[in-house]
């Protein structure tokens, strides 16, 4: 799925939230719409997602040689935190307000993001990687991921078009694999658009219906922002 970044920014400005909060809220809203369409029982089920946050301090461009130095202020490797976010339920689908839903997600993420646990987790993973190796840190992340049914992560991509062997790249996406969640959603921005990729266990969901629900959620949110 591809969404124009300028429309997402419009929603973001309307609500006073971040782009990450806006698109995460829309994805979660679409997920609840899908669960509602599948069955009434499914729509009332508890669902928790892991949201990956970048905790790297960006201090300008650094070369690989600079990042691998022992005393580097921007060390090489992933720097991220894990947030367990419960996806809100609809009290009444017909009266569900997509803007209020996105704002609710924003408040939940902001509260958890400002918690010291995010940074303590990052420090713990760094210490664990140094003392016991990257495999131990990976096992810890895998265990923490088991307490969720879906994951969502994003990357900031280039604003200008890239080329590979002089062939222009029209679009790109990424996907994490071998994760314990049944549903995995990734997003990357590129040339003014946001591309959303969805991965799931075989037979877990109807991909066409899920895509339709997420697009419907985006259109409902955008329309509500214009009204």
N, C-alpha and C. Protein backbone atom coordinates (compact mmCIF):
# COMPACT_ATOMS: atom_id res chain seq x y z
N UNK A 1 0.85 -1.19 0.00
CA UNK A 1 0.00 0.00 0.00
C UNK A 1 0.88 1.24 0.00
N UNK A 2 0.45 2.26 -0.72
CA UNK A 2 1.21 3.50 -0.80
C UNK A 2 0.30 4.67 -0.46
N UNK A 3 0.77 5.53 0.45
CA UNK A 3 0.00 6.71 0.85
C UNK A 3 0.86 7.96 0.65
N UNK A 4 0.26 9.06 0.14
CA UNK A 4 1.01 10.30 -0.05
C UNK A 4 1.39 10.91 1.30
N UNK A 5 2.66 11.27 1.45
CA UNK A 5 3.13 11.83 2.72
C UNK A 5 2.48 13.17 3.03
N UNK A 6 2.17 13.97 1.98
CA UNK A 6 1.57 15.28 2.24
C UNK A 6 0.19 15.14 2.88
N UNK A 7 -0.55 14.08 2.53
CA UNK A 7 -1.86 13.85 3.14
C UNK A 7 -1.71 13.38 4.59
N UNK A 8 -0.70 12.56 4.84
CA UNK A 8 -0.44 12.13 6.21
C UNK A 8 0.00 13.32 7.07
N UNK A 9 0.80 14.21 6.48
CA UNK A 9 1.22 15.42 7.20
C UNK A 9 0.04 16.33 7.49
N UNK A 10 -0.95 16.35 6.58
CA UNK A 10 -2.15 17.15 6.81
C UNK A 10 -2.89 16.63 8.04
N UNK A 11 -3.03 15.31 8.14
CA UNK A 11 -3.68 14.70 9.29
C UNK A 11 -2.87 14.99 10.55
N UNK A 12 -1.55 14.87 10.43
CA UNK A 12 -0.66 15.12 11.56
C UNK A 12 -0.81 16.55 12.08
N UNK A 13 -0.82 17.52 11.17
CA UNK A 13 -0.95 18.93 11.56
C UNK A 13 -2.33 19.22 12.15
N UNK A 14 -3.35 18.56 11.62
CA UNK A 14 -4.71 18.76 12.11
C UNK A 14 -4.83 18.31 13.57
N UNK A 15 -4.16 17.23 13.91
CA UNK A 15 -4.27 16.66 15.25
C UNK A 15 -3.16 17.11 16.19
N UNK A 16 -2.09 17.67 15.62
CA UNK A 16 -0.97 18.07 16.46
C UNK A 16 -0.18 16.88 16.99
N UNK A 17 -0.04 15.85 16.16
CA UNK A 17 0.71 14.65 16.55
C UNK A 17 1.90 14.48 15.59
N UNK A 18 2.65 13.42 15.77
CA UNK A 18 3.77 13.14 14.86
C UNK A 18 3.27 12.32 13.67
N UNK A 19 4.07 12.29 12.61
CA UNK A 19 3.73 11.47 11.45
C UNK A 19 3.66 10.00 11.86
N UNK A 20 4.58 9.58 12.72
CA UNK A 20 4.59 8.19 13.18
C UNK A 20 3.29 7.86 13.93
N UNK A 21 2.84 8.78 14.79
CA UNK A 21 1.59 8.56 15.53
C UNK A 21 0.40 8.50 14.59
N UNK A 22 0.40 9.38 13.59
CA UNK A 22 -0.73 9.44 12.65
C UNK A 22 -0.86 8.14 11.86
N UNK A 23 0.22 7.68 11.26
CA UNK A 23 0.12 6.48 10.43
C UNK A 23 -0.06 5.24 11.29
N UNK A 24 0.53 5.20 12.49
CA UNK A 24 0.32 4.07 13.39
C UNK A 24 -1.14 3.99 13.80
N UNK A 25 -1.72 5.15 14.14
CA UNK A 25 -3.13 5.19 14.50
C UNK A 25 -4.03 4.72 13.37
N UNK A 26 -3.70 5.11 12.13
CA UNK A 26 -4.49 4.70 10.97
C UNK A 26 -4.38 3.19 10.74
N UNK A 27 -3.16 2.65 10.87
CA UNK A 27 -2.96 1.20 10.72
C UNK A 27 -3.76 0.44 11.77
N UNK A 28 -3.71 0.91 13.01
CA UNK A 28 -4.46 0.24 14.08
C UNK A 28 -5.97 0.36 13.86
N UNK A 29 -6.40 1.52 13.36
CA UNK A 29 -7.83 1.72 13.06
C UNK A 29 -8.27 0.73 11.97
N UNK A 30 -7.44 0.59 10.95
CA UNK A 30 -7.74 -0.36 9.88
C UNK A 30 -7.74 -1.79 10.38
N UNK A 31 -6.86 -2.10 11.33
CA UNK A 31 -6.82 -3.44 11.91
C UNK A 31 -8.11 -3.75 12.65
N UNK A 32 -8.61 -2.77 13.40
CA UNK A 32 -9.87 -2.96 14.12
C UNK A 32 -11.05 -3.08 13.14
N UNK A 33 -11.01 -2.33 12.05
CA UNK A 33 -12.06 -2.46 11.03
C UNK A 33 -12.06 -3.87 10.46
N UNK A 34 -10.85 -4.40 10.23
CA UNK A 34 -10.75 -5.77 9.69
C UNK A 34 -11.29 -6.78 10.69
N UNK A 35 -10.93 -6.62 11.95
CA UNK A 35 -11.41 -7.54 12.99
C UNK A 35 -12.92 -7.48 13.12
N UNK A 36 -13.48 -6.28 12.91
CA UNK A 36 -14.93 -6.12 12.97
C UNK A 36 -15.60 -6.84 11.81
N UNK A 37 -14.99 -6.78 10.63
CA UNK A 37 -15.57 -7.43 9.46
C UNK A 37 -15.48 -8.95 9.56
N UNK A 38 -14.40 -9.45 10.18
CA UNK A 38 -14.23 -10.89 10.30
C UNK A 38 -15.31 -11.50 11.17
N UNK A 39 -15.51 -10.94 12.35
CA UNK A 39 -16.55 -11.43 13.25
C UNK A 39 -16.72 -10.47 14.41
N UNK A 40 -17.90 -10.46 15.02
CA UNK A 40 -18.16 -9.60 16.17
C UNK A 40 -17.27 -10.01 17.33
N UNK A 41 -17.06 -11.31 17.50
CA UNK A 41 -16.22 -11.79 18.59
C UNK A 41 -14.79 -11.33 18.43
N UNK A 42 -14.31 -11.35 17.20
CA UNK A 42 -12.94 -10.91 16.92
C UNK A 42 -12.76 -9.43 17.23
N UNK A 43 -13.79 -8.62 16.96
CA UNK A 43 -13.69 -7.18 17.19
C UNK A 43 -13.57 -6.84 18.67
N UNK A 44 -14.01 -7.74 19.54
CA UNK A 44 -13.95 -7.51 20.99
C UNK A 44 -12.69 -8.11 21.62
N UNK A 45 -11.89 -8.79 20.82
CA UNK A 45 -10.71 -9.47 21.35
C UNK A 45 -9.61 -8.46 21.69
N UNK A 46 -8.83 -8.79 22.70
CA UNK A 46 -7.69 -7.96 23.05
C UNK A 46 -6.58 -8.16 22.02
N UNK A 47 -5.90 -7.08 21.68
CA UNK A 47 -4.82 -7.16 20.70
C UNK A 47 -3.72 -6.19 21.10
N UNK A 48 -2.51 -6.69 21.15
CA UNK A 48 -1.36 -5.87 21.54
C UNK A 48 -0.33 -5.88 20.43
N UNK A 49 0.23 -4.71 20.16
CA UNK A 49 1.24 -4.59 19.12
C UNK A 49 2.55 -4.11 19.73
N UNK A 50 3.63 -4.56 19.15
CA UNK A 50 4.94 -4.01 19.49
C UNK A 50 5.25 -2.91 18.50
N UNK A 51 5.55 -1.73 19.01
CA UNK A 51 5.95 -0.60 18.18
C UNK A 51 7.43 -0.36 18.41
N UNK A 52 8.21 -0.42 17.35
CA UNK A 52 9.65 -0.21 17.44
C UNK A 52 9.98 1.26 17.30
N UNK A 53 10.76 1.79 18.22
CA UNK A 53 11.14 3.20 18.19
C UNK A 53 12.65 3.33 18.04
N UNK A 54 13.06 4.23 17.17
CA UNK A 54 14.48 4.51 16.99
C UNK A 54 14.96 5.38 18.15
N UNK A 55 15.97 4.91 18.88
CA UNK A 55 16.52 5.68 19.99
C UNK A 55 17.91 6.22 19.68
N UNK A 56 18.31 6.11 18.42
CA UNK A 56 19.62 6.63 18.03
C UNK A 56 19.62 8.15 18.03
N UNK A 57 20.66 8.74 18.61
CA UNK A 57 20.82 10.20 18.58
C UNK A 57 21.50 10.59 17.28
N UNK A 58 20.78 11.31 16.43
CA UNK A 58 21.31 11.70 15.13
C UNK A 58 22.07 13.01 15.25
N UNK A 59 23.37 12.97 14.96
CA UNK A 59 24.21 14.16 15.06
C UNK A 59 24.93 14.39 13.74
N UNK A 60 24.17 14.39 12.67
CA UNK A 60 24.74 14.60 11.37
C UNK A 60 25.24 13.30 10.75
N UNK A 61 25.76 13.40 9.55
CA UNK A 61 26.23 12.22 8.83
C UNK A 61 27.52 11.70 9.45
N UNK A 62 27.59 10.38 9.61
CA UNK A 62 28.80 9.73 10.11
C UNK A 62 29.16 8.60 9.17
N UNK A 63 30.44 8.48 8.87
CA UNK A 63 30.90 7.38 8.03
C UNK A 63 30.94 6.10 8.85
N UNK A 64 31.03 4.96 8.15
CA UNK A 64 31.11 3.68 8.85
C UNK A 64 32.35 3.62 9.72
N UNK A 65 33.48 4.14 9.23
CA UNK A 65 34.73 4.13 9.99
C UNK A 65 34.59 4.90 11.30
N UNK A 66 33.82 6.00 11.27
CA UNK A 66 33.61 6.78 12.49
C UNK A 66 32.69 6.05 13.47
N UNK A 67 31.68 5.34 12.94
CA UNK A 67 30.71 4.68 13.80
C UNK A 67 31.28 3.45 14.50
N UNK A 68 32.28 2.79 13.90
CA UNK A 68 32.81 1.57 14.50
C UNK A 68 33.91 1.86 15.52
N UNK A 69 34.26 3.12 15.72
CA UNK A 69 35.26 3.45 16.74
C UNK A 69 34.69 3.19 18.13
N UNK A 70 35.51 2.70 19.06
CA UNK A 70 35.02 2.35 20.41
C UNK A 70 34.37 3.53 21.15
N UNK A 71 34.88 4.76 20.94
CA UNK A 71 34.36 5.91 21.66
C UNK A 71 33.40 6.77 20.81
N UNK A 72 32.83 6.18 19.76
CA UNK A 72 31.95 6.93 18.87
C UNK A 72 30.68 7.36 19.60
N UNK A 73 30.24 8.63 19.35
CA UNK A 73 29.00 9.11 19.97
C UNK A 73 27.77 8.63 19.21
N UNK A 74 27.97 8.05 18.01
CA UNK A 74 26.89 7.42 17.25
C UNK A 74 27.37 6.03 16.83
N UNK A 75 27.38 5.06 17.75
CA UNK A 75 27.96 3.75 17.46
C UNK A 75 27.20 2.99 16.38
N UNK A 76 27.93 2.09 15.73
CA UNK A 76 27.38 1.26 14.67
C UNK A 76 26.38 0.27 15.27
N UNK A 77 25.34 -0.04 14.51
CA UNK A 77 24.35 -1.02 14.95
C UNK A 77 23.00 -0.40 15.23
N UNK A 78 22.00 -1.26 15.40
CA UNK A 78 20.65 -0.79 15.67
C UNK A 78 20.54 -0.22 17.08
N UNK A 79 19.82 0.88 17.20
CA UNK A 79 19.53 1.50 18.48
C UNK A 79 18.03 1.74 18.53
N UNK A 80 17.31 0.89 19.27
CA UNK A 80 15.86 1.02 19.27
C UNK A 80 15.27 0.55 20.59
N UNK A 81 14.01 0.96 20.81
CA UNK A 81 13.27 0.53 21.99
C UNK A 81 11.99 -0.16 21.57
N UNK A 82 11.43 -0.94 22.49
CA UNK A 82 10.20 -1.68 22.22
C UNK A 82 9.07 -1.14 23.08
N UNK A 83 7.93 -0.87 22.45
CA UNK A 83 6.74 -0.44 23.18
C UNK A 83 5.62 -1.44 22.95
N UNK A 84 5.03 -1.93 24.02
CA UNK A 84 3.85 -2.78 23.89
C UNK A 84 2.62 -1.87 23.96
N UNK A 85 1.88 -1.78 22.86
CA UNK A 85 0.74 -0.87 22.76
C UNK A 85 -0.53 -1.68 22.55
N UNK A 86 -1.49 -1.53 23.46
CA UNK A 86 -2.78 -2.20 23.32
C UNK A 86 -3.63 -1.43 22.31
N UNK A 87 -4.18 -2.13 21.33
CA UNK A 87 -4.99 -1.48 20.30
C UNK A 87 -6.39 -1.24 20.87
N UNK A 88 -6.84 0.03 20.92
CA UNK A 88 -8.16 0.34 21.48
C UNK A 88 -9.29 -0.38 20.73
N UNK A 89 -10.37 -0.66 21.45
CA UNK A 89 -11.52 -1.32 20.85
C UNK A 89 -12.58 -0.28 20.49
N UNK A 90 -13.45 -0.64 19.54
CA UNK A 90 -14.59 0.21 19.19
C UNK A 90 -15.72 -0.04 20.20
N UNK A 91 -16.29 1.04 20.71
CA UNK A 91 -17.51 0.87 21.50
C UNK A 91 -18.70 0.74 20.57
N UNK A 92 -18.63 1.48 19.45
CA UNK A 92 -19.68 1.42 18.44
C UNK A 92 -19.06 1.79 17.11
N UNK A 93 -18.98 0.83 16.18
CA UNK A 93 -18.31 1.07 14.90
C UNK A 93 -18.95 2.22 14.12
N UNK A 94 -20.28 2.31 14.15
CA UNK A 94 -20.96 3.34 13.36
C UNK A 94 -20.63 4.75 13.84
N UNK A 95 -20.39 4.87 15.15
CA UNK A 95 -20.09 6.20 15.70
C UNK A 95 -18.60 6.39 15.94
N UNK A 96 -17.77 5.43 15.48
CA UNK A 96 -16.33 5.52 15.70
C UNK A 96 -15.74 6.73 14.98
N UNK A 97 -15.00 7.54 15.71
CA UNK A 97 -14.37 8.73 15.15
C UNK A 97 -12.90 8.43 14.91
N UNK A 98 -12.47 8.38 13.64
CA UNK A 98 -11.07 8.03 13.36
C UNK A 98 -10.06 9.00 13.96
N UNK A 99 -10.41 10.29 14.03
CA UNK A 99 -9.49 11.27 14.61
C UNK A 99 -9.31 11.03 16.10
N UNK A 100 -10.41 10.73 16.79
CA UNK A 100 -10.31 10.42 18.22
C UNK A 100 -9.51 9.15 18.45
N UNK A 101 -9.65 8.19 17.54
CA UNK A 101 -8.90 6.93 17.64
C UNK A 101 -7.41 7.21 17.50
N UNK A 102 -7.02 8.02 16.50
CA UNK A 102 -5.60 8.35 16.29
C UNK A 102 -5.05 9.12 17.49
N UNK A 103 -5.85 10.04 18.03
CA UNK A 103 -5.42 10.81 19.21
C UNK A 103 -5.21 9.88 20.41
N UNK A 104 -6.06 8.88 20.53
CA UNK A 104 -5.91 7.93 21.64
C UNK A 104 -4.61 7.16 21.50
N UNK A 105 -4.30 6.74 20.26
CA UNK A 105 -3.04 6.04 20.01
C UNK A 105 -1.86 6.97 20.33
N UNK A 106 -1.98 8.23 19.93
CA UNK A 106 -0.92 9.23 20.20
C UNK A 106 -0.65 9.34 21.69
N UNK A 107 -1.71 9.41 22.49
CA UNK A 107 -1.55 9.56 23.95
C UNK A 107 -0.91 8.32 24.56
N UNK A 108 -1.31 7.14 24.07
CA UNK A 108 -0.74 5.89 24.59
C UNK A 108 0.75 5.81 24.27
N UNK A 109 1.11 6.10 23.01
CA UNK A 109 2.51 6.01 22.59
C UNK A 109 3.35 7.08 23.31
N UNK A 110 2.81 8.29 23.43
CA UNK A 110 3.55 9.38 24.09
C UNK A 110 3.85 9.03 25.55
N UNK A 111 2.85 8.46 26.23
CA UNK A 111 3.04 8.08 27.63
C UNK A 111 4.11 7.01 27.77
N UNK A 112 4.05 6.00 26.91
CA UNK A 112 5.03 4.92 26.97
C UNK A 112 6.40 5.38 26.49
N UNK A 113 6.41 6.24 25.45
CA UNK A 113 7.68 6.71 24.90
C UNK A 113 8.44 7.57 25.91
N UNK A 114 7.71 8.35 26.71
CA UNK A 114 8.34 9.21 27.71
C UNK A 114 8.72 8.45 28.98
N UNK A 115 8.33 7.19 29.03
CA UNK A 115 8.69 6.37 30.17
C UNK A 115 10.17 6.03 30.12
N UNK A 116 10.78 5.97 31.29
CA UNK A 116 12.21 5.65 31.36
C UNK A 116 12.50 4.22 30.92
N UNK A 117 11.46 3.38 30.86
CA UNK A 117 11.66 1.98 30.49
C UNK A 117 12.22 1.83 29.08
N UNK A 118 11.86 2.77 28.18
CA UNK A 118 12.36 2.70 26.80
C UNK A 118 13.88 2.80 26.79
N UNK A 119 14.43 3.75 27.55
CA UNK A 119 15.87 3.96 27.55
C UNK A 119 16.59 2.90 28.39
N UNK A 120 15.94 2.44 29.47
CA UNK A 120 16.54 1.37 30.26
C UNK A 120 16.63 0.09 29.44
N UNK A 121 15.61 -0.15 28.61
CA UNK A 121 15.65 -1.32 27.73
C UNK A 121 16.81 -1.22 26.75
N UNK A 122 17.00 -0.01 26.20
CA UNK A 122 18.11 0.20 25.27
C UNK A 122 19.45 -0.02 25.93
N UNK A 123 19.60 0.49 27.18
CA UNK A 123 20.84 0.30 27.92
C UNK A 123 21.06 -1.18 28.24
N UNK A 124 19.97 -1.85 28.64
CA UNK A 124 20.05 -3.27 28.96
C UNK A 124 20.52 -4.08 27.75
N UNK A 125 19.96 -3.78 26.59
CA UNK A 125 20.35 -4.50 25.38
C UNK A 125 21.81 -4.25 25.02
N UNK A 126 22.27 -3.01 25.22
CA UNK A 126 23.67 -2.67 24.93
C UNK A 126 24.61 -3.43 25.85
N UNK A 127 24.27 -3.45 27.15
CA UNK A 127 25.10 -4.17 28.12
C UNK A 127 25.09 -5.67 27.83
N UNK A 128 23.90 -6.19 27.55
CA UNK A 128 23.77 -7.61 27.28
C UNK A 128 24.58 -8.01 26.04
N UNK A 129 24.56 -7.14 25.01
CA UNK A 129 25.31 -7.44 23.79
C UNK A 129 26.81 -7.44 24.05
N UNK A 130 27.28 -6.53 24.92
CA UNK A 130 28.71 -6.44 25.22
C UNK A 130 29.19 -7.60 26.08
N UNK A 131 28.36 -8.00 27.06
CA UNK A 131 28.78 -9.02 28.02
C UNK A 131 28.51 -10.44 27.54
N UNK A 132 27.36 -10.63 26.87
CA UNK A 132 26.96 -11.99 26.50
C UNK A 132 26.85 -12.21 25.00
N UNK A 133 27.07 -11.15 24.22
CA UNK A 133 27.06 -11.30 22.78
C UNK A 133 25.71 -10.95 22.16
N UNK A 134 25.68 -10.70 20.84
CA UNK A 134 24.44 -10.31 20.16
C UNK A 134 23.35 -11.38 20.19
N UNK A 135 23.76 -12.66 20.29
CA UNK A 135 22.75 -13.72 20.33
C UNK A 135 21.88 -13.62 21.58
N UNK A 136 22.48 -13.27 22.71
CA UNK A 136 21.72 -13.12 23.96
C UNK A 136 20.74 -11.97 23.86
N UNK A 137 21.18 -10.85 23.25
CA UNK A 137 20.29 -9.70 23.07
C UNK A 137 19.14 -10.06 22.14
N UNK A 138 19.44 -10.85 21.11
CA UNK A 138 18.39 -11.27 20.18
C UNK A 138 17.36 -12.16 20.86
N UNK A 139 17.81 -13.05 21.74
CA UNK A 139 16.88 -13.92 22.47
C UNK A 139 15.98 -13.11 23.39
N UNK A 140 16.54 -12.08 23.99
CA UNK A 140 15.74 -11.22 24.87
C UNK A 140 14.65 -10.51 24.08
N UNK A 141 15.02 -9.95 22.91
CA UNK A 141 14.05 -9.26 22.06
C UNK A 141 12.97 -10.23 21.60
N UNK A 142 13.36 -11.44 21.26
CA UNK A 142 12.40 -12.44 20.79
C UNK A 142 11.42 -12.79 21.89
N UNK A 143 11.90 -12.95 23.12
CA UNK A 143 11.01 -13.26 24.24
C UNK A 143 10.05 -12.12 24.51
N UNK A 144 10.57 -10.87 24.46
CA UNK A 144 9.70 -9.70 24.69
C UNK A 144 8.65 -9.59 23.60
N UNK A 145 8.99 -10.01 22.38
CA UNK A 145 8.06 -9.92 21.26
C UNK A 145 6.93 -10.93 21.36
N UNK A 146 7.12 -11.97 22.16
CA UNK A 146 6.11 -13.01 22.27
C UNK A 146 4.82 -12.53 22.94
N UNK A 147 4.91 -11.39 23.63
CA UNK A 147 3.74 -10.87 24.34
C UNK A 147 2.92 -9.92 23.47
N UNK A 148 2.95 -10.12 22.17
CA UNK A 148 2.18 -9.29 21.25
C UNK A 148 1.72 -10.14 20.07
N UNK A 149 0.68 -9.67 19.40
CA UNK A 149 0.14 -10.40 18.25
C UNK A 149 0.54 -9.77 16.92
N UNK A 150 1.04 -8.53 16.97
CA UNK A 150 1.50 -7.87 15.75
C UNK A 150 2.64 -6.92 16.07
N UNK A 151 3.39 -6.56 15.06
CA UNK A 151 4.48 -5.60 15.23
C UNK A 151 4.39 -4.55 14.13
N UNK A 152 4.88 -3.37 14.44
CA UNK A 152 4.85 -2.29 13.46
C UNK A 152 6.13 -1.46 13.61
N UNK A 153 6.79 -1.20 12.49
CA UNK A 153 8.03 -0.44 12.50
C UNK A 153 8.15 0.37 11.22
N UNK A 154 9.00 1.39 11.26
CA UNK A 154 9.14 2.23 10.07
C UNK A 154 10.56 2.75 9.93
N UNK A 155 10.88 3.16 8.73
CA UNK A 155 12.18 3.76 8.41
C UNK A 155 11.96 5.03 7.61
N UNK A 156 12.85 5.99 7.82
CA UNK A 156 12.84 7.20 7.01
C UNK A 156 13.70 6.95 5.78
N UNK A 157 13.10 6.99 4.61
CA UNK A 157 13.81 6.74 3.37
C UNK A 157 14.23 8.03 2.67
N UNK A 158 14.92 7.94 1.56
CA UNK A 158 15.39 9.12 0.83
C UNK A 158 14.24 9.92 0.20
N UNK A 159 14.42 11.22 0.13
CA UNK A 159 13.42 12.09 -0.47
C UNK A 159 13.59 12.17 -1.98
N UNK A 160 14.82 11.92 -2.45
CA UNK A 160 15.09 11.98 -3.89
C UNK A 160 15.19 10.57 -4.44
N UNK A 161 14.94 10.43 -5.73
CA UNK A 161 14.96 9.12 -6.36
C UNK A 161 16.36 8.53 -6.39
N UNK A 162 16.43 7.25 -6.06
CA UNK A 162 17.71 6.53 -6.11
C UNK A 162 17.81 5.75 -7.43
N UNK A 163 18.99 5.25 -7.68
CA UNK A 163 19.21 4.41 -8.87
C UNK A 163 20.12 3.26 -8.50
N UNK A 164 19.91 2.13 -9.12
CA UNK A 164 20.75 0.96 -8.92
C UNK A 164 21.27 0.52 -10.28
N UNK A 165 22.59 0.60 -10.45
CA UNK A 165 23.22 0.29 -11.73
C UNK A 165 22.58 1.13 -12.85
N UNK A 166 22.37 2.41 -12.55
CA UNK A 166 21.78 3.38 -13.48
C UNK A 166 20.32 3.11 -13.82
N UNK A 167 19.67 2.24 -13.06
CA UNK A 167 18.25 1.98 -13.25
C UNK A 167 17.47 2.69 -12.14
N UNK A 168 16.63 3.66 -12.47
CA UNK A 168 15.88 4.39 -11.44
C UNK A 168 14.99 3.46 -10.61
N UNK A 169 14.96 3.68 -9.33
CA UNK A 169 14.14 2.89 -8.42
C UNK A 169 12.82 3.62 -8.19
N UNK A 170 11.73 3.00 -8.63
CA UNK A 170 10.41 3.63 -8.51
C UNK A 170 9.86 3.55 -7.09
N UNK A 171 10.17 2.48 -6.39
CA UNK A 171 9.65 2.33 -5.04
C UNK A 171 10.41 1.23 -4.31
N UNK A 172 10.31 1.22 -2.99
CA UNK A 172 10.98 0.20 -2.21
C UNK A 172 10.23 -0.04 -0.91
N UNK A 173 10.49 -1.18 -0.32
CA UNK A 173 9.91 -1.51 0.98
C UNK A 173 10.86 -2.45 1.69
N UNK A 174 10.62 -2.69 2.96
CA UNK A 174 11.43 -3.65 3.71
C UNK A 174 10.50 -4.52 4.55
N UNK A 175 11.01 -5.64 4.98
CA UNK A 175 10.20 -6.56 5.79
C UNK A 175 11.11 -7.31 6.76
N UNK A 176 10.71 -7.39 8.00
CA UNK A 176 11.43 -8.20 8.98
C UNK A 176 10.87 -9.62 8.92
N UNK A 177 11.73 -10.59 9.07
CA UNK A 177 11.32 -11.99 8.94
C UNK A 177 11.64 -12.76 10.22
N UNK A 178 11.03 -13.94 10.35
CA UNK A 178 11.23 -14.83 11.49
C UNK A 178 10.90 -14.15 12.81
N UNK A 179 9.84 -13.36 12.81
CA UNK A 179 9.38 -12.73 14.05
C UNK A 179 8.23 -13.57 14.61
N UNK A 180 8.02 -13.55 15.94
CA UNK A 180 6.99 -14.41 16.53
C UNK A 180 5.56 -13.93 16.32
N UNK A 181 5.38 -12.66 15.91
CA UNK A 181 4.03 -12.13 15.73
C UNK A 181 3.34 -12.74 14.50
N UNK A 182 2.03 -12.84 14.60
CA UNK A 182 1.25 -13.37 13.47
C UNK A 182 1.13 -12.33 12.35
N UNK A 183 1.23 -11.05 12.72
CA UNK A 183 1.08 -9.96 11.75
C UNK A 183 2.23 -8.99 11.91
N UNK A 184 2.88 -8.67 10.81
CA UNK A 184 4.05 -7.79 10.83
C UNK A 184 3.87 -6.70 9.79
N UNK A 185 3.92 -5.44 10.23
CA UNK A 185 3.70 -4.31 9.33
C UNK A 185 4.92 -3.40 9.36
N UNK A 186 5.44 -3.08 8.19
CA UNK A 186 6.59 -2.18 8.09
C UNK A 186 6.27 -1.04 7.14
N UNK A 187 6.93 0.09 7.37
CA UNK A 187 6.69 1.28 6.55
C UNK A 187 8.00 1.98 6.24
N UNK A 188 8.11 2.52 5.04
CA UNK A 188 9.28 3.29 4.66
C UNK A 188 8.85 4.42 3.74
N UNK A 189 9.38 5.62 3.99
CA UNK A 189 9.07 6.77 3.14
C UNK A 189 10.06 6.85 2.00
N UNK A 190 9.57 7.30 0.84
CA UNK A 190 10.44 7.40 -0.33
C UNK A 190 9.79 8.33 -1.35
N UNK A 191 10.47 9.39 -1.70
CA UNK A 191 10.04 10.32 -2.74
C UNK A 191 8.61 10.86 -2.49
N UNK A 192 8.35 11.24 -1.25
CA UNK A 192 7.06 11.86 -0.96
C UNK A 192 5.92 10.89 -0.73
N UNK A 193 6.20 9.60 -0.70
CA UNK A 193 5.18 8.59 -0.43
C UNK A 193 5.60 7.69 0.72
N UNK A 194 4.61 7.08 1.35
CA UNK A 194 4.87 6.11 2.40
C UNK A 194 4.37 4.75 1.93
N UNK A 195 5.28 3.81 1.84
CA UNK A 195 4.91 2.46 1.39
C UNK A 195 4.78 1.55 2.60
N UNK A 196 3.64 0.89 2.69
CA UNK A 196 3.34 0.00 3.81
C UNK A 196 3.34 -1.44 3.31
N UNK A 197 4.12 -2.27 3.97
CA UNK A 197 4.19 -3.70 3.62
C UNK A 197 3.60 -4.51 4.77
N UNK A 198 2.90 -5.57 4.42
CA UNK A 198 2.24 -6.42 5.42
C UNK A 198 2.69 -7.86 5.24
N UNK A 199 3.13 -8.46 6.32
CA UNK A 199 3.50 -9.87 6.32
C UNK A 199 2.74 -10.60 7.41
N UNK A 200 2.31 -11.80 7.15
CA UNK A 200 1.56 -12.57 8.14
C UNK A 200 1.79 -14.06 7.96
N UNK A 201 1.44 -14.81 8.98
CA UNK A 201 1.50 -16.26 8.88
C UNK A 201 0.50 -16.74 7.84
N UNK A 202 0.82 -17.81 7.16
CA UNK A 202 -0.03 -18.33 6.11
C UNK A 202 -1.43 -18.66 6.65
N UNK A 203 -2.43 -18.08 5.99
CA UNK A 203 -3.81 -18.34 6.37
C UNK A 203 -4.29 -17.55 7.56
N UNK A 204 -3.45 -16.64 8.11
CA UNK A 204 -3.85 -15.88 9.30
C UNK A 204 -4.92 -14.85 8.97
N UNK A 205 -4.80 -14.21 7.81
CA UNK A 205 -5.78 -13.19 7.43
C UNK A 205 -6.02 -13.20 5.93
N UNK A 206 -7.06 -12.49 5.53
CA UNK A 206 -7.38 -12.28 4.12
C UNK A 206 -6.64 -11.01 3.69
N UNK A 207 -5.55 -11.13 2.91
CA UNK A 207 -4.73 -9.95 2.59
C UNK A 207 -5.49 -8.87 1.84
N UNK A 208 -6.39 -9.26 0.93
CA UNK A 208 -7.13 -8.27 0.15
C UNK A 208 -8.12 -7.50 1.04
N UNK A 209 -8.77 -8.22 1.95
CA UNK A 209 -9.72 -7.55 2.85
C UNK A 209 -8.98 -6.66 3.84
N UNK A 210 -7.82 -7.13 4.33
CA UNK A 210 -7.05 -6.32 5.28
C UNK A 210 -6.57 -5.04 4.60
N UNK A 211 -6.07 -5.17 3.37
CA UNK A 211 -5.62 -3.99 2.62
C UNK A 211 -6.77 -3.02 2.43
N UNK A 212 -7.94 -3.52 2.09
CA UNK A 212 -9.12 -2.68 1.89
C UNK A 212 -9.49 -1.94 3.17
N UNK A 213 -9.39 -2.61 4.30
CA UNK A 213 -9.74 -1.99 5.59
C UNK A 213 -8.75 -0.90 5.97
N UNK A 214 -7.46 -1.12 5.71
CA UNK A 214 -6.46 -0.10 6.03
C UNK A 214 -6.64 1.13 5.13
N UNK A 215 -6.88 0.90 3.84
CA UNK A 215 -7.12 2.01 2.92
C UNK A 215 -8.39 2.76 3.32
N UNK A 216 -9.43 2.03 3.71
CA UNK A 216 -10.67 2.65 4.18
C UNK A 216 -10.41 3.49 5.42
N UNK A 217 -9.59 2.98 6.34
CA UNK A 217 -9.25 3.72 7.55
C UNK A 217 -8.53 5.02 7.22
N UNK A 218 -7.61 4.95 6.24
CA UNK A 218 -6.89 6.16 5.82
C UNK A 218 -7.84 7.18 5.22
N UNK A 219 -8.73 6.73 4.34
CA UNK A 219 -9.68 7.64 3.69
C UNK A 219 -10.65 8.24 4.70
N UNK A 220 -11.11 7.44 5.67
CA UNK A 220 -12.01 7.95 6.71
C UNK A 220 -11.31 9.02 7.57
N UNK A 221 -10.05 8.76 7.90
CA UNK A 221 -9.29 9.70 8.73
C UNK A 221 -9.02 11.00 7.98
N UNK A 222 -8.65 10.87 6.70
CA UNK A 222 -8.37 12.06 5.89
C UNK A 222 -9.64 12.89 5.71
N UNK A 223 -10.77 12.25 5.46
CA UNK A 223 -12.04 12.95 5.28
C UNK A 223 -12.43 13.68 6.57
N UNK A 224 -12.26 12.98 7.71
CA UNK A 224 -12.59 13.60 8.99
C UNK A 224 -11.69 14.80 9.27
N UNK A 225 -10.44 14.74 8.83
CA UNK A 225 -9.52 15.85 9.04
C UNK A 225 -9.90 17.06 8.20
N UNK A 226 -10.50 16.83 7.03
CA UNK A 226 -10.92 17.92 6.15
C UNK A 226 -12.24 18.55 6.61
N UNK A 227 -13.08 17.77 7.29
CA UNK A 227 -14.40 18.27 7.71
C UNK A 227 -14.27 19.30 8.83
